[in-house]
Amino acid sequence: GWKPDWDNYSEAKYYPWFEMSHSSFAFDVSFCALGSADAGSGSRLKLKSRELAEYCGKQFKDIWKDIQLG
């Protein structure tokens, strides 16, 4: 039920980070940073805690890989 407050820059928002190469795709770490998306549209999926970001990155690695690689 958590919804990020995009107007509140002091609210921590976490996301998983992955390392990609030609031969692998692996969860690396989770980050907390100011919410800015460099994509052409939309926003980056953010989670309310580091633990949730790590779980999401590890548990759903194949889904993340499909999203990142199209």
PDB file of N, CA and C in Angstrom:
ATOM      1  N   GLY A   1       0.790  -1.198   0.000  1.00  0.00           N
ATOM      2  CA  GLY A   1       0.000   0.000   0.000  1.00  0.00           C
ATOM      3  C   GLY A   1       0.835   1.267   0.000  1.00  0.00           C
ATOM      4  N   TRP A   2       2.162   1.159   0.038  1.00  0.00           N
ATOM      5  CA  TRP A   2       3.007   2.359   0.061  1.00  0.00           C
ATOM      6  C   TRP A   2       3.027   3.019  -1.304  1.00  0.00           C
ATOM      7  N   LYS A   3       2.872   4.334  -1.312  1.00  0.00           N
ATOM      8  CA  LYS A   3       2.979   5.109  -2.551  1.00  0.00           C
ATOM      9  C   LYS A   3       4.042   6.173  -2.342  1.00  0.00           C
ATOM     10  N   PRO A   4       5.044   6.207  -3.220  1.00  0.00           N
ATOM     11  CA  PRO A   4       6.089   7.216  -3.048  1.00  0.00           C
ATOM     12  C   PRO A   4       5.528   8.617  -3.251  1.00  0.00           C
ATOM     13  N   ASP A   5       6.014   9.546  -2.450  1.00  0.00           N
ATOM     14  CA  ASP A   5       5.646  10.951  -2.587  1.00  0.00           C
ATOM     15  C   ASP A   5       6.708  11.615  -3.462  1.00  0.00           C
ATOM     16  N   TRP A   6       6.415  11.749  -4.747  1.00  0.00           N
ATOM     17  CA  TRP A   6       7.406  12.252  -5.704  1.00  0.00           C
ATOM     18  C   TRP A   6       7.779  13.707  -5.461  1.00  0.00           C
ATOM     19  N   ASP A   7       6.964  14.439  -4.694  1.00  0.00           N
ATOM     20  CA  ASP A   7       7.277  15.834  -4.380  1.00  0.00           C
ATOM     21  C   ASP A   7       8.114  15.966  -3.116  1.00  0.00           C
ATOM     22  N   ASN A   8       8.330  14.879  -2.391  1.00  0.00           N
ATOM     23  CA  ASN A   8       9.087  14.898  -1.145  1.00  0.00           C
ATOM     24  C   ASN A   8      10.470  14.301  -1.388  1.00  0.00           C
ATOM     25  N   TYR A   9      11.449  15.163  -1.614  1.00  0.00           N
ATOM     26  CA  TYR A   9      12.801  14.695  -1.911  1.00  0.00           C
ATOM     27  C   TYR A   9      13.533  14.170  -0.681  1.00  0.00           C
ATOM     28  N   SER A  10      12.988  14.415   0.519  1.00  0.00           N
ATOM     29  CA  SER A  10      13.639  13.887   1.724  1.00  0.00           C
ATOM     30  C   SER A  10      13.131  12.484   2.057  1.00  0.00           C
ATOM     31  N   GLU A  11      12.104  11.991   1.350  1.00  0.00           N
ATOM     32  CA  GLU A  11      11.619  10.633   1.554  1.00  0.00           C
ATOM     33  C   GLU A  11      12.530   9.663   0.805  1.00  0.00           C
ATOM     34  N   ALA A  12      13.078   8.715   1.547  1.00  0.00           N
ATOM     35  CA  ALA A  12      13.973   7.729   0.921  1.00  0.00           C
ATOM     36  C   ALA A  12      13.174   6.818  -0.006  1.00  0.00           C
ATOM     37  N   LYS A  13      13.739   6.546  -1.177  1.00  0.00           N
ATOM     38  CA  LYS A  13      13.143   5.654  -2.163  1.00  0.00           C
ATOM     39  C   LYS A  13      14.263   4.767  -2.690  1.00  0.00           C
ATOM     40  N   TYR A  14      14.062   3.456  -2.671  1.00  0.00           N
ATOM     41  CA  TYR A  14      15.114   2.505  -3.001  1.00  0.00           C
ATOM     42  C   TYR A  14      14.811   1.782  -4.303  1.00  0.00           C
ATOM     43  N   TYR A  15      15.856   1.311  -4.974  1.00  0.00           N
ATOM     44  CA  TYR A  15      15.684   0.529  -6.196  1.00  0.00           C
ATOM     45  C   TYR A  15      16.839  -0.463  -6.325  1.00  0.00           C
ATOM     46  N   PRO A  16      16.569  -1.621  -6.946  1.00  0.00           N
ATOM     47  CA  PRO A  16      17.647  -2.596  -7.151  1.00  0.00           C
ATOM     48  C   PRO A  16      18.564  -2.135  -8.284  1.00  0.00           C
ATOM     49  N   TRP A  17      19.808  -2.547  -8.207  1.00  0.00           N
ATOM     50  CA  TRP A  17      20.810  -2.211  -9.235  1.00  0.00           C
ATOM     51  C   TRP A  17      21.404  -3.514  -9.744  1.00  0.00           C
ATOM     52  N   PHE A  18      21.567  -3.611 -11.045  1.00  0.00           N
ATOM     53  CA  PHE A  18      22.055  -4.839 -11.663  1.00  0.00           C
ATOM     54  C   PHE A  18      23.329  -4.575 -12.448  1.00  0.00           C
ATOM     55  N   GLU A  19      24.148  -5.602 -12.570  1.00  0.00           N
ATOM     56  CA  GLU A  19      25.334  -5.567 -13.411  1.00  0.00           C
ATOM     57  C   GLU A  19      25.056  -6.454 -14.622  1.00  0.00           C
ATOM     58  N   MET A  20      25.245  -5.911 -15.813  1.00  0.00           N
ATOM     59  CA  MET A  20      25.011  -6.671 -17.036  1.00  0.00           C
ATOM     60  C   MET A  20      26.295  -6.779 -17.837  1.00  0.00           C
ATOM     61  N   SER A  21      26.444  -7.915 -18.480  1.00  0.00           N
ATOM     62  CA  SER A  21      27.521  -8.108 -19.442  1.00  0.00           C
ATOM     63  C   SER A  21      26.961  -8.996 -20.543  1.00  0.00           C
ATOM     64  N   HIS A  22      27.768  -9.326 -21.532  1.00  0.00           N
ATOM     65  CA  HIS A  22      27.305 -10.181 -22.619  1.00  0.00           C
ATOM     66  C   HIS A  22      26.936 -11.576 -22.124  1.00  0.00           C
ATOM     67  N   SER A  23      27.545 -12.014 -21.029  1.00  0.00           N
ATOM     68  CA  SER A  23      27.319 -13.383 -20.567  1.00  0.00           C
ATOM     69  C   SER A  23      26.512 -13.501 -19.273  1.00  0.00           C
ATOM     70  N   SER A  24      26.193 -12.361 -18.626  1.00  0.00           N
ATOM     71  CA  SER A  24      25.470 -12.489 -17.366  1.00  0.00           C
ATOM     72  C   SER A  24      24.597 -11.283 -17.070  1.00  0.00           C
ATOM     73  N   PHE A  25      23.648 -11.504 -16.177  1.00  0.00           N
ATOM     74  CA  PHE A  25      22.782 -10.462 -15.641  1.00  0.00           C
ATOM     75  C   PHE A  25      22.593 -10.804 -14.180  1.00  0.00           C
ATOM     76  N   ALA A  26      23.058  -9.975 -13.263  1.00  0.00           N
ATOM     77  CA  ALA A  26      23.037 -10.325 -11.852  1.00  0.00           C
ATOM     78  C   ALA A  26      22.645  -9.139 -10.988  1.00  0.00           C
ATOM     79  N   PHE A  27      21.881  -9.405  -9.918  1.00  0.00           N
ATOM     80  CA  PHE A  27      21.598  -8.388  -8.917  1.00  0.00           C
ATOM     81  C   PHE A  27      22.907  -8.013  -8.258  1.00  0.00           C
ATOM     82  N   ASP A  28      23.131  -6.721  -8.043  1.00  0.00           N
ATOM     83  CA  ASP A  28      24.380  -6.271  -7.449  1.00  0.00           C
ATOM     84  C   ASP A  28      24.152  -5.684  -6.063  1.00  0.00           C
ATOM     85  N   VAL A  29      23.276  -4.689  -5.961  1.00  0.00           N
ATOM     86  CA  VAL A  29      23.080  -3.973  -4.709  1.00  0.00           C
ATOM     87  C   VAL A  29      21.803  -3.148  -4.830  1.00  0.00           C
ATOM     88  N   SER A  30      21.329  -2.588  -3.722  1.00  0.00           N
ATOM     89  CA  SER A  30      20.207  -1.660  -3.806  1.00  0.00           C
ATOM     90  C   SER A  30      20.705  -0.276  -3.423  1.00  0.00           C
ATOM     91  N   PHE A  31      20.095   0.749  -3.999  1.00  0.00           N
ATOM     92  CA  PHE A  31      20.505   2.126  -3.769  1.00  0.00           C
ATOM     93  C   PHE A  31      19.349   2.948  -3.263  1.00  0.00           C
ATOM     94  N   CYS A  32      19.678   4.009  -2.570  1.00  0.00           N
ATOM     95  CA  CYS A  32      18.723   5.028  -2.178  1.00  0.00           C
ATOM     96  C   CYS A  32      19.263   6.333  -2.742  1.00  0.00           C
ATOM     97  N   ALA A  33      18.453   7.019  -3.545  1.00  0.00           N
ATOM     98  CA  ALA A  33      18.923   8.250  -4.157  1.00  0.00           C
ATOM     99  C   ALA A  33      17.741   9.151  -4.433  1.00  0.00           C
ATOM    100  N   LEU A  34      18.040  10.382  -4.761  1.00  0.00           N
ATOM    101  CA  LEU A  34      16.970  11.283  -5.177  1.00  0.00           C
ATOM    102  C   LEU A  34      16.279  10.690  -6.383  1.00  0.00           C
ATOM    103  N   GLY A  35      14.990  10.835  -6.444  1.00  0.00           N
ATOM    104  CA  GLY A  35      14.211  10.212  -7.513  1.00  0.00           C
ATOM    105  C   GLY A  35      14.245  10.989  -8.802  1.00  0.00           C
ATOM    106  N   SER A  36      15.118  10.625  -9.690  1.00  0.00           N
ATOM    107  CA  SER A  36      15.121  11.212 -11.020  1.00  0.00           C
ATOM    108  C   SER A  36      15.244  10.087 -12.022  1.00  0.00           C
ATOM    109  N   ALA A  37      14.422  10.136 -13.034  1.00  0.00           N
ATOM    110  CA  ALA A  37      14.470   9.110 -14.073  1.00  0.00           C
ATOM    111  C   ALA A  37      15.012   9.736 -15.340  1.00  0.00           C
ATOM    112  N   ASP A  38      16.018   9.123 -15.926  1.00  0.00           N
ATOM    113  CA  ASP A  38      16.629   9.652 -17.129  1.00  0.00           C
ATOM    114  C   ASP A  38      16.011   9.066 -18.395  1.00  0.00           C
ATOM    115  N   ALA A  39      14.984   8.256 -18.234  1.00  0.00           N
ATOM    116  CA  ALA A  39      14.325   7.654 -19.391  1.00  0.00           C
ATOM    117  C   ALA A  39      13.495   8.711 -20.126  1.00  0.00           C
ATOM    118  N   GLY A  40      13.077   8.377 -21.323  1.00  0.00           N
ATOM    119  CA  GLY A  40      12.277   9.304 -22.116  1.00  0.00           C
ATOM    120  C   GLY A  40      10.911   9.571 -21.523  1.00  0.00           C
ATOM    121  N   SER A  41      10.375   8.622 -20.775  1.00  0.00           N
ATOM    122  CA  SER A  41       9.083   8.818 -20.132  1.00  0.00           C
ATOM    123  C   SER A  41       8.964   7.887 -18.947  1.00  0.00           C
ATOM    124  N   GLY A  42       7.993   8.142 -18.097  1.00  0.00           N
ATOM    125  CA  GLY A  42       7.747   7.273 -16.952  1.00  0.00           C
ATOM    126  C   GLY A  42       8.704   7.544 -15.812  1.00  0.00           C
ATOM    127  N   SER A  43       8.633   6.694 -14.808  1.00  0.00           N
ATOM    128  CA  SER A  43       9.505   6.837 -13.647  1.00  0.00           C
ATOM    129  C   SER A  43      10.052   5.473 -13.263  1.00  0.00           C
ATOM    130  N   ARG A  44      11.127   5.485 -12.544  1.00  0.00           N
ATOM    131  CA  ARG A  44      11.778   4.267 -12.115  1.00  0.00           C
ATOM    132  C   ARG A  44      10.978   3.633 -10.971  1.00  0.00           C
ATOM    133  N   LEU A  45      10.886   2.302 -10.960  1.00  0.00           N
ATOM    134  CA  LEU A  45      10.220   1.618  -9.865  1.00  0.00           C
ATOM    135  C   LEU A  45      11.003   1.848  -8.586  1.00  0.00           C
ATOM    136  N   LYS A  46      10.344   2.370  -7.575  1.00  0.00           N
ATOM    137  CA  LYS A  46      10.984   2.638  -6.286  1.00  0.00           C
ATOM    138  C   LYS A  46      10.285   1.843  -5.207  1.00  0.00           C
ATOM    139  N   LEU A  47      11.045   1.477  -4.181  1.00  0.00           N
ATOM    140  CA  LEU A  47      10.508   0.719  -3.060  1.00  0.00           C
ATOM    141  C   LEU A  47      10.810   1.464  -1.771  1.00  0.00           C
ATOM    142  N   LYS A  48      10.053   1.139  -0.696  1.00  0.00           N
ATOM    143  CA  LYS A  48      10.166   1.937   0.524  1.00  0.00           C
ATOM    144  C   LYS A  48      11.322   1.549   1.432  1.00  0.00           C
ATOM    145  N   SER A  49      11.986   0.418   1.169  1.00  0.00           N
ATOM    146  CA  SER A  49      13.110   0.045   2.030  1.00  0.00           C
ATOM    147  C   SER A  49      14.189  -0.680   1.224  1.00  0.00           C
ATOM    148  N   ARG A  50      15.397  -0.647   1.761  1.00  0.00           N
ATOM    149  CA  ARG A  50      16.525  -1.344   1.140  1.00  0.00           C
ATOM    150  C   ARG A  50      16.247  -2.847   1.086  1.00  0.00           C
ATOM    151  N   GLU A  51      15.638  -3.382   2.151  1.00  0.00           N
ATOM    152  CA  GLU A  51      15.352  -4.815   2.196  1.00  0.00           C
ATOM    153  C   GLU A  51      14.382  -5.227   1.087  1.00  0.00           C
ATOM    154  N   LEU A  52      13.348  -4.426   0.844  1.00  0.00           N
ATOM    155  CA  LEU A  52      12.406  -4.734  -0.232  1.00  0.00           C
ATOM    156  C   LEU A  52      13.072  -4.635  -1.605  1.00  0.00           C
ATOM    157  N   ALA A  53      13.958  -3.648  -1.780  1.00  0.00           N
ATOM    158  CA  ALA A  53      14.665  -3.503  -3.057  1.00  0.00           C
ATOM    159  C   ALA A  53      15.576  -4.700  -3.308  1.00  0.00           C
ATOM    160  N   GLU A  54      16.261  -5.162  -2.270  1.00  0.00           N
ATOM    161  CA  GLU A  54      17.130  -6.328  -2.417  1.00  0.00           C
ATOM    162  C   GLU A  54      16.311  -7.584  -2.717  1.00  0.00           C
ATOM    163  N   TYR A  55      15.198  -7.771  -2.001  1.00  0.00           N
ATOM    164  CA  TYR A  55      14.330  -8.919  -2.252  1.00  0.00           C
ATOM    165  C   TYR A  55      13.796  -8.891  -3.681  1.00  0.00           C
ATOM    166  N   CYS A  56      13.305  -7.746  -4.096  1.00  0.00           N
ATOM    167  CA  CYS A  56      12.737  -7.602  -5.440  1.00  0.00           C
ATOM    168  C   CYS A  56      13.795  -7.875  -6.512  1.00  0.00           C
ATOM    169  N   GLY A  57      15.000  -7.369  -6.309  1.00  0.00           N
ATOM    170  CA  GLY A  57      16.069  -7.569  -7.280  1.00  0.00           C
ATOM    171  C   GLY A  57      16.496  -9.019  -7.394  1.00  0.00           C
ATOM    172  N   LYS A  58      16.537  -9.709  -6.268  1.00  0.00           N
ATOM    173  CA  LYS A  58      16.973 -11.114  -6.276  1.00  0.00           C
ATOM    174  C   LYS A  58      15.854 -12.058  -6.682  1.00  0.00           C
ATOM    175  N   GLN A  59      14.665 -11.855  -6.127  1.00  0.00           N
ATOM    176  CA  GLN A  59      13.548 -12.767  -6.365  1.00  0.00           C
ATOM    177  C   GLN A  59      13.029 -12.709  -7.804  1.00  0.00           C
ATOM    178  N   PHE A  60      13.049 -11.523  -8.393  1.00  0.00           N
ATOM    179  CA  PHE A  60      12.462 -11.331  -9.719  1.00  0.00           C
ATOM    180  C   PHE A  60      13.505 -10.964 -10.769  1.00  0.00           C
ATOM    181  N   LYS A  61      14.701 -11.526 -10.626  1.00  0.00           N
ATOM    182  CA  LYS A  61      15.813 -11.201 -11.523  1.00  0.00           C
ATOM    183  C   LYS A  61      15.461 -11.448 -12.988  1.00  0.00           C
ATOM    184  N   ASP A  62      14.767 -12.548 -13.289  1.00  0.00           N
ATOM    185  CA  ASP A  62      14.424 -12.850 -14.687  1.00  0.00           C
ATOM    186  C   ASP A  62      13.461 -11.825 -15.269  1.00  0.00           C
ATOM    187  N   ILE A  63      12.534 -11.351 -14.457  1.00  0.00           N
ATOM    188  CA  ILE A  63      11.598 -10.320 -14.932  1.00  0.00           C
ATOM    189  C   ILE A  63      12.343  -9.020 -15.183  1.00  0.00           C
ATOM    190  N   TRP A  64      13.224  -8.640 -14.249  1.00  0.00           N
ATOM    191  CA  TRP A  64      14.024  -7.432 -14.442  1.00  0.00           C
ATOM    192  C   TRP A  64      14.875  -7.546 -15.708  1.00  0.00           C
ATOM    193  N   LYS A  65      15.449  -8.713 -15.938  1.00  0.00           N
ATOM    194  CA  LYS A  65      16.277  -8.916 -17.125  1.00  0.00           C
ATOM    195  C   LYS A  65      15.440  -8.714 -18.388  1.00  0.00           C
ATOM    196  N   ASP A  66      14.230  -9.279 -18.433  1.00  0.00           N
ATOM    197  CA  ASP A  66      13.350  -9.102 -19.589  1.00  0.00           C
ATOM    198  C   ASP A  66      13.019  -7.638 -19.812  1.00  0.00           C
ATOM    199  N   ILE A  67      12.767  -6.905 -18.721  1.00  0.00           N
ATOM    200  CA  ILE A  67      12.449  -5.484 -18.844  1.00  0.00           C
ATOM    201  C   ILE A  67      13.646  -4.716 -19.394  1.00  0.00           C
ATOM    202  N   GLN A  68      14.822  -4.985 -18.857  1.00  0.00           N
ATOM    203  CA  GLN A  68      16.018  -4.238 -19.264  1.00  0.00           C
ATOM    204  C   GLN A  68      16.462  -4.552 -20.695  1.00  0.00           C
ATOM    205  N   LEU A  69      16.299  -5.802 -21.094  1.00  0.00           N
ATOM    206  CA  LEU A  69      16.791  -6.206 -22.413  1.00  0.00           C
ATOM    207  C   LEU A  69      15.708  -6.222 -23.486  1.00  0.00           C
ATOM    208  N   GLY A  70      14.489  -5.972 -23.070  1.00  0.00           N
ATOM    209  CA  GLY A  70      13.374  -5.907 -24.031  1.00  0.00           C
ATOM    210  C   GLY A  70      12.935  -7.227 -24.421  1.00  0.00           C
TER     211      GLY A  70
END
